[in-house]
PDB file of N, CA and C in Angstrom:
ATOM      1  N   UNK A   1     -15.486 -20.672  42.699  1.00  0.00           N
ATOM      2  CA  UNK A   1     -15.412 -19.612  41.729  1.00  0.00           C
ATOM      3  C   UNK A   1     -15.798 -18.297  42.422  1.00  0.00           C
ATOM      4  N   UNK A   2     -14.928 -17.313  42.276  1.00  0.00           N
ATOM      5  CA  UNK A   2     -15.171 -16.031  42.930  1.00  0.00           C
ATOM      6  C   UNK A   2     -15.722 -15.023  41.913  1.00  0.00           C
ATOM      7  N   UNK A   3     -16.149 -13.895  42.440  1.00  0.00           N
ATOM      8  CA  UNK A   3     -16.658 -12.827  41.583  1.00  0.00           C
ATOM      9  C   UNK A   3     -15.543 -12.313  40.687  1.00  0.00           C
ATOM     10  N   UNK A   4     -14.344 -12.189  41.249  1.00  0.00           N
ATOM     11  CA  UNK A   4     -13.206 -11.686  40.471  1.00  0.00           C
ATOM     12  C   UNK A   4     -12.892 -12.620  39.291  1.00  0.00           C
ATOM     13  N   UNK A   5     -13.014 -13.922  39.481  1.00  0.00           N
ATOM     14  CA  UNK A   5     -12.788 -14.881  38.400  1.00  0.00           C
ATOM     15  C   UNK A   5     -13.816 -14.698  37.294  1.00  0.00           C
ATOM     16  N   UNK A   6     -15.066 -14.484  37.671  1.00  0.00           N
ATOM     17  CA  UNK A   6     -16.127 -14.259  36.679  1.00  0.00           C
ATOM     18  C   UNK A   6     -15.855 -12.976  35.902  1.00  0.00           C
ATOM     19  N   UNK A   7     -15.466 -11.918  36.613  1.00  0.00           N
ATOM     20  CA  UNK A   7     -15.168 -10.636  35.957  1.00  0.00           C
ATOM     21  C   UNK A   7     -13.986 -10.791  35.007  1.00  0.00           C
ATOM     22  N   UNK A   8     -12.922 -11.486  35.436  1.00  0.00           N
ATOM     23  CA  UNK A   8     -11.760 -11.696  34.573  1.00  0.00           C
ATOM     24  C   UNK A   8     -12.138 -12.475  33.323  1.00  0.00           C
ATOM     25  N   UNK A   9     -12.918 -13.533  33.481  1.00  0.00           N
ATOM     26  CA  UNK A   9     -13.331 -14.317  32.312  1.00  0.00           C
ATOM     27  C   UNK A   9     -14.165 -13.469  31.355  1.00  0.00           C
ATOM     28  N   UNK A  10     -15.054 -12.644  31.907  1.00  0.00           N
ATOM     29  CA  UNK A  10     -15.874 -11.766  31.084  1.00  0.00           C
ATOM     30  C   UNK A  10     -14.999 -10.788  30.303  1.00  0.00           C
ATOM     31  N   UNK A  11     -14.060 -10.145  30.992  1.00  0.00           N
ATOM     32  CA  UNK A  11     -13.181  -9.174  30.330  1.00  0.00           C
ATOM     33  C   UNK A  11     -12.280  -9.846  29.298  1.00  0.00           C
ATOM     34  N   UNK A  12     -11.686 -10.983  29.645  1.00  0.00           N
ATOM     35  CA  UNK A  12     -10.823 -11.682  28.687  1.00  0.00           C
ATOM     36  C   UNK A  12     -11.615 -12.153  27.474  1.00  0.00           C
ATOM     37  N   UNK A  13     -12.852 -12.559  27.680  1.00  0.00           N
ATOM     38  CA  UNK A  13     -13.703 -12.958  26.560  1.00  0.00           C
ATOM     39  C   UNK A  13     -13.975 -11.803  25.616  1.00  0.00           C
ATOM     40  N   UNK A  14     -14.295 -10.627  26.175  1.00  0.00           N
ATOM     41  CA  UNK A  14     -14.535  -9.461  25.333  1.00  0.00           C
ATOM     42  C   UNK A  14     -13.268  -9.011  24.631  1.00  0.00           C
ATOM     43  N   UNK A  15     -12.138  -9.083  25.318  1.00  0.00           N
ATOM     44  CA  UNK A  15     -10.864  -8.711  24.685  1.00  0.00           C
ATOM     45  C   UNK A  15     -10.546  -9.663  23.530  1.00  0.00           C
ATOM     46  N   UNK A  16     -10.744 -10.954  23.749  1.00  0.00           N
ATOM     47  CA  UNK A  16     -10.488 -11.934  22.689  1.00  0.00           C
ATOM     48  C   UNK A  16     -11.439 -11.727  21.511  1.00  0.00           C
ATOM     49  N   UNK A  17     -12.710 -11.509  21.796  1.00  0.00           N
ATOM     50  CA  UNK A  17     -13.685 -11.283  20.720  1.00  0.00           C
ATOM     51  C   UNK A  17     -13.355  -9.992  19.967  1.00  0.00           C
ATOM     52  N   UNK A  18     -12.986  -8.946  20.685  1.00  0.00           N
ATOM     53  CA  UNK A  18     -12.616  -7.686  20.036  1.00  0.00           C
ATOM     54  C   UNK A  18     -11.372  -7.836  19.184  1.00  0.00           C
ATOM     55  N   UNK A  19     -10.370  -8.553  19.691  1.00  0.00           N
ATOM     56  CA  UNK A  19      -9.153  -8.789  18.919  1.00  0.00           C
ATOM     57  C   UNK A  19      -9.433  -9.574  17.649  1.00  0.00           C
ATOM     58  N   UNK A  20     -10.274 -10.588  17.764  1.00  0.00           N
ATOM     59  CA  UNK A  20     -10.647 -11.380  16.594  1.00  0.00           C
ATOM     60  C   UNK A  20     -11.407 -10.522  15.588  1.00  0.00           C
ATOM     61  N   UNK A  21     -12.287  -9.669  16.071  1.00  0.00           N
ATOM     62  CA  UNK A  21     -13.037  -8.786  15.185  1.00  0.00           C
ATOM     63  C   UNK A  21     -12.119  -7.801  14.464  1.00  0.00           C
ATOM     64  N   UNK A  22     -11.125  -7.277  15.173  1.00  0.00           N
ATOM     65  CA  UNK A  22     -10.160  -6.362  14.547  1.00  0.00           C
ATOM     66  C   UNK A  22      -9.381  -7.085  13.450  1.00  0.00           C
ATOM     67  N   UNK A  23      -8.935  -8.293  13.718  1.00  0.00           N
ATOM     68  CA  UNK A  23      -8.178  -9.051  12.719  1.00  0.00           C
ATOM     69  C   UNK A  23      -9.035  -9.343  11.497  1.00  0.00           C
ATOM     70  N   UNK A  24     -10.271  -9.781  11.715  1.00  0.00           N
ATOM     71  CA  UNK A  24     -11.169 -10.074  10.591  1.00  0.00           C
ATOM     72  C   UNK A  24     -11.456  -8.809   9.798  1.00  0.00           C
ATOM     73  N   UNK A  25     -11.677  -7.690  10.478  1.00  0.00           N
ATOM     74  CA  UNK A  25     -11.956  -6.432   9.788  1.00  0.00           C
ATOM     75  C   UNK A  25     -10.756  -5.969   8.974  1.00  0.00           C
ATOM     76  N   UNK A  26      -9.555  -6.103   9.543  1.00  0.00           N
ATOM     77  CA  UNK A  26      -8.350  -5.687   8.827  1.00  0.00           C
ATOM     78  C   UNK A  26      -8.140  -6.529   7.575  1.00  0.00           C
ATOM     79  N   UNK A  27      -8.433  -7.813   7.647  1.00  0.00           N
ATOM     80  CA  UNK A  27      -8.278  -8.679   6.479  1.00  0.00           C
ATOM     81  C   UNK A  27      -9.363  -8.384   5.449  1.00  0.00           C
ATOM     82  N   UNK A  28     -10.597  -8.227   5.914  1.00  0.00           N
ATOM     83  CA  UNK A  28     -11.721  -8.041   4.994  1.00  0.00           C
ATOM     84  C   UNK A  28     -11.704  -6.667   4.325  1.00  0.00           C
ATOM     85  N   UNK A  29     -11.359  -5.626   5.084  1.00  0.00           N
ATOM     86  CA  UNK A  29     -11.418  -4.258   4.568  1.00  0.00           C
ATOM     87  C   UNK A  29     -10.038  -3.638   4.404  1.00  0.00           C
ATOM     88  N   UNK A  30      -9.028  -4.434   4.094  1.00  0.00           N
ATOM     89  CA  UNK A  30      -7.660  -3.920   4.041  1.00  0.00           C
ATOM     90  C   UNK A  30      -7.478  -2.839   2.981  1.00  0.00           C
ATOM     91  N   UNK A  31      -8.124  -2.979   1.809  1.00  0.00           N
ATOM     92  CA  UNK A  31      -7.971  -1.951   0.773  1.00  0.00           C
ATOM     93  C   UNK A  31      -8.543  -0.615   1.242  1.00  0.00           C
ATOM     94  N   UNK A  32      -9.700  -0.661   1.889  1.00  0.00           N
ATOM     95  CA  UNK A  32     -10.312   0.568   2.396  1.00  0.00           C
ATOM     96  C   UNK A  32      -9.441   1.205   3.474  1.00  0.00           C
ATOM     97  N   UNK A  33      -8.906   0.394   4.376  1.00  0.00           N
ATOM     98  CA  UNK A  33      -8.055   0.903   5.458  1.00  0.00           C
ATOM     99  C   UNK A  33      -6.781   1.515   4.889  1.00  0.00           C
ATOM    100  N   UNK A  34      -6.169   0.833   3.921  1.00  0.00           N
ATOM    101  CA  UNK A  34      -4.941   1.355   3.312  1.00  0.00           C
ATOM    102  C   UNK A  34      -5.224   2.666   2.592  1.00  0.00           C
ATOM    103  N   UNK A  35      -6.328   2.731   1.848  1.00  0.00           N
ATOM    104  CA  UNK A  35      -6.676   3.958   1.125  1.00  0.00           C
ATOM    105  C   UNK A  35      -6.930   5.108   2.090  1.00  0.00           C
ATOM    106  N   UNK A  36      -7.674   4.854   3.149  1.00  0.00           N
ATOM    107  CA  UNK A  36      -7.957   5.912   4.135  1.00  0.00           C
ATOM    108  C   UNK A  36      -6.672   6.373   4.807  1.00  0.00           C
ATOM    109  N   UNK A  37      -5.794   5.438   5.149  1.00  0.00           N
ATOM    110  CA  UNK A  37      -4.532   5.805   5.793  1.00  0.00           C
ATOM    111  C   UNK A  37      -3.660   6.635   4.862  1.00  0.00           C
ATOM    112  N   UNK A  38      -3.552   6.212   3.597  1.00  0.00           N
ATOM    113  CA  UNK A  38      -2.718   6.955   2.650  1.00  0.00           C
ATOM    114  C   UNK A  38      -3.285   8.332   2.359  1.00  0.00           C
ATOM    115  N   UNK A  39      -4.612   8.445   2.216  1.00  0.00           N
ATOM    116  CA  UNK A  39      -5.216   9.758   1.973  1.00  0.00           C
ATOM    117  C   UNK A  39      -4.969  10.697   3.142  1.00  0.00           C
ATOM    118  N   UNK A  40      -5.124  10.198   4.366  1.00  0.00           N
ATOM    119  CA  UNK A  40      -4.879  11.045   5.532  1.00  0.00           C
ATOM    120  C   UNK A  40      -3.408  11.403   5.654  1.00  0.00           C
ATOM    121  N   UNK A  41      -2.524  10.461   5.324  1.00  0.00           N
ATOM    122  CA  UNK A  41      -1.092  10.740   5.390  1.00  0.00           C
ATOM    123  C   UNK A  41      -0.719  11.837   4.402  1.00  0.00           C
ATOM    124  N   UNK A  42      -1.220  11.729   3.168  1.00  0.00           N
ATOM    125  CA  UNK A  42      -0.909  12.760   2.182  1.00  0.00           C
ATOM    126  C   UNK A  42      -1.543  14.088   2.555  1.00  0.00           C
ATOM    127  N   UNK A  43      -2.694  14.076   3.182  1.00  0.00           N
ATOM    128  CA  UNK A  43      -3.310  15.329   3.629  1.00  0.00           C
ATOM    129  C   UNK A  43      -2.441  16.016   4.675  1.00  0.00           C
ATOM    130  N   UNK A  44      -1.896  15.227   5.629  1.00  0.00           N
ATOM    131  CA  UNK A  44      -1.006  15.808   6.638  1.00  0.00           C
ATOM    132  C   UNK A  44       0.271  16.339   6.002  1.00  0.00           C
ATOM    133  N   UNK A  45       0.830  15.597   5.053  1.00  0.00           N
ATOM    134  CA  UNK A  45       2.058  16.053   4.377  1.00  0.00           C
ATOM    135  C   UNK A  45       1.781  17.344   3.622  1.00  0.00           C
ATOM    136  N   UNK A  46       0.666  17.401   2.907  1.00  0.00           N
ATOM    137  CA  UNK A  46       0.320  18.619   2.166  1.00  0.00           C
ATOM    138  C   UNK A  46       0.040  19.793   3.089  1.00  0.00           C
ATOM    139  N   UNK A  47      -0.484  19.534   4.275  1.00  0.00           N
ATOM    140  CA  UNK A  47      -0.767  20.619   5.216  1.00  0.00           C
ATOM    141  C   UNK A  47       0.513  21.127   5.883  1.00  0.00           C
ATOM    142  N   UNK A  48       1.447  20.234   6.173  1.00  0.00           N
ATOM    143  CA  UNK A  48       2.652  20.632   6.903  1.00  0.00           C
ATOM    144  C   UNK A  48       3.795  21.108   6.010  1.00  0.00           C
ATOM    145  N   UNK A  49       3.788  20.746   4.743  1.00  0.00           N
ATOM    146  CA  UNK A  49       4.900  21.099   3.870  1.00  0.00           C
ATOM    147  C   UNK A  49       5.126  22.607   3.765  1.00  0.00           C
ATOM    148  N   UNK A  50       4.099  23.449   3.590  1.00  0.00           N
ATOM    149  CA  UNK A  50       4.365  24.899   3.549  1.00  0.00           C
ATOM    150  C   UNK A  50       4.978  25.421   4.847  1.00  0.00           C
ATOM    151  N   UNK A  51       4.544  24.895   5.976  1.00  0.00           N
ATOM    152  CA  UNK A  51       5.106  25.323   7.257  1.00  0.00           C
ATOM    153  C   UNK A  51       6.580  24.946   7.335  1.00  0.00           C
ATOM    154  N   UNK A  52       6.926  23.744   6.922  1.00  0.00           N
ATOM    155  CA  UNK A  52       8.318  23.291   6.940  1.00  0.00           C
ATOM    156  C   UNK A  52       9.161  24.147   6.007  1.00  0.00           C
ATOM    157  N   UNK A  53       8.656  24.441   4.819  1.00  0.00           N
ATOM    158  CA  UNK A  53       9.407  25.266   3.862  1.00  0.00           C
ATOM    159  C   UNK A  53       9.642  26.662   4.426  1.00  0.00           C
ATOM    160  N   UNK A  54       8.627  27.244   5.063  1.00  0.00           N
ATOM    161  CA  UNK A  54       8.786  28.578   5.652  1.00  0.00           C
ATOM    162  C   UNK A  54       9.820  28.547   6.771  1.00  0.00           C
ATOM    163  N   UNK A  55       9.764  27.539   7.643  1.00  0.00           N
ATOM    164  CA  UNK A  55      10.733  27.453   8.736  1.00  0.00           C
ATOM    165  C   UNK A  55      12.156  27.265   8.222  1.00  0.00           C
ATOM    166  N   UNK A  56      12.336  26.453   7.206  1.00  0.00           N
ATOM    167  CA  UNK A  56      13.667  26.264   6.621  1.00  0.00           C
ATOM    168  C   UNK A  56      14.146  27.570   5.995  1.00  0.00           C
ATOM    169  N   UNK A  57      13.256  28.282   5.322  1.00  0.00           N
ATOM    170  CA  UNK A  57      13.626  29.569   4.729  1.00  0.00           C
ATOM    171  C   UNK A  57      14.036  30.584   5.778  1.00  0.00           C
ATOM    172  N   UNK A  58      13.269  30.668   6.868  1.00  0.00           N
ATOM    173  CA  UNK A  58      13.611  31.596   7.955  1.00  0.00           C
ATOM    174  C   UNK A  58      14.955  31.220   8.571  1.00  0.00           C
ATOM    175  N   UNK A  59      15.188  29.932   8.771  1.00  0.00           N
ATOM    176  CA  UNK A  59      16.465  29.467   9.331  1.00  0.00           C
ATOM    177  C   UNK A  59      17.627  29.840   8.410  1.00  0.00           C
ATOM    178  N   UNK A  60      17.453  29.664   7.107  1.00  0.00           N
ATOM    179  CA  UNK A  60      18.521  30.028   6.165  1.00  0.00           C
ATOM    180  C   UNK A  60      18.779  31.529   6.170  1.00  0.00           C
ATOM    181  N   UNK A  61      17.712  32.326   6.266  1.00  0.00           N
ATOM    182  CA  UNK A  61      17.880  33.781   6.306  1.00  0.00           C
ATOM    183  C   UNK A  61      18.617  34.221   7.561  1.00  0.00           C
ATOM    184  N   UNK A  62      18.266  33.650   8.693  1.00  0.00           N
ATOM    185  CA  UNK A  62      18.929  33.987   9.963  1.00  0.00           C
ATOM    186  C   UNK A  62      20.400  33.601   9.903  1.00  0.00           C
ATOM    187  N   UNK A  63      20.678  32.419   9.400  1.00  0.00           N
ATOM    188  CA  UNK A  63      22.084  31.969   9.290  1.00  0.00           C
ATOM    189  C   UNK A  63      22.866  32.868   8.352  1.00  0.00           C
ATOM    190  N   UNK A  64      22.240  33.328   7.255  1.00  0.00           N
ATOM    191  CA  UNK A  64      22.926  34.195   6.302  1.00  0.00           C
ATOM    192  C   UNK A  64      23.230  35.554   6.936  1.00  0.00           C
ATOM    193  N   UNK A  65      22.329  36.080   7.734  1.00  0.00           N
ATOM    194  CA  UNK A  65      22.533  37.372   8.383  1.00  0.00           C
ATOM    195  C   UNK A  65      23.621  37.259   9.450  1.00  0.00           C
ATOM    196  N   UNK A  66      23.657  36.168  10.177  1.00  0.00           N
ATOM    197  CA  UNK A  66      24.598  36.031  11.278  1.00  0.00           C
ATOM    198  C   UNK A  66      26.005  35.611  10.833  1.00  0.00           C
ATOM    199  N   UNK A  67      26.178  35.247   9.589  1.00  0.00           N
ATOM    200  CA  UNK A  67      27.514  34.855   9.114  1.00  0.00           C
ATOM    201  C   UNK A  67      28.438  36.007   8.963  1.00  0.00           C
TER     202      UNK A  67
END
């Protein structure tokens, strides 16, 4: 058994334990995760929508002038 084998086993063990913890957390706290994701998604949409509307308006004005 080499040092590299010990290091690999240690890292793979932590990766497996972390993956298992993520899966358990996602199952146990799925409602909280979904709510947080949806709230953040709607916050981004609400923040970007005025910018998108302004850019579309400017584009329409430029196209109208250049026609």
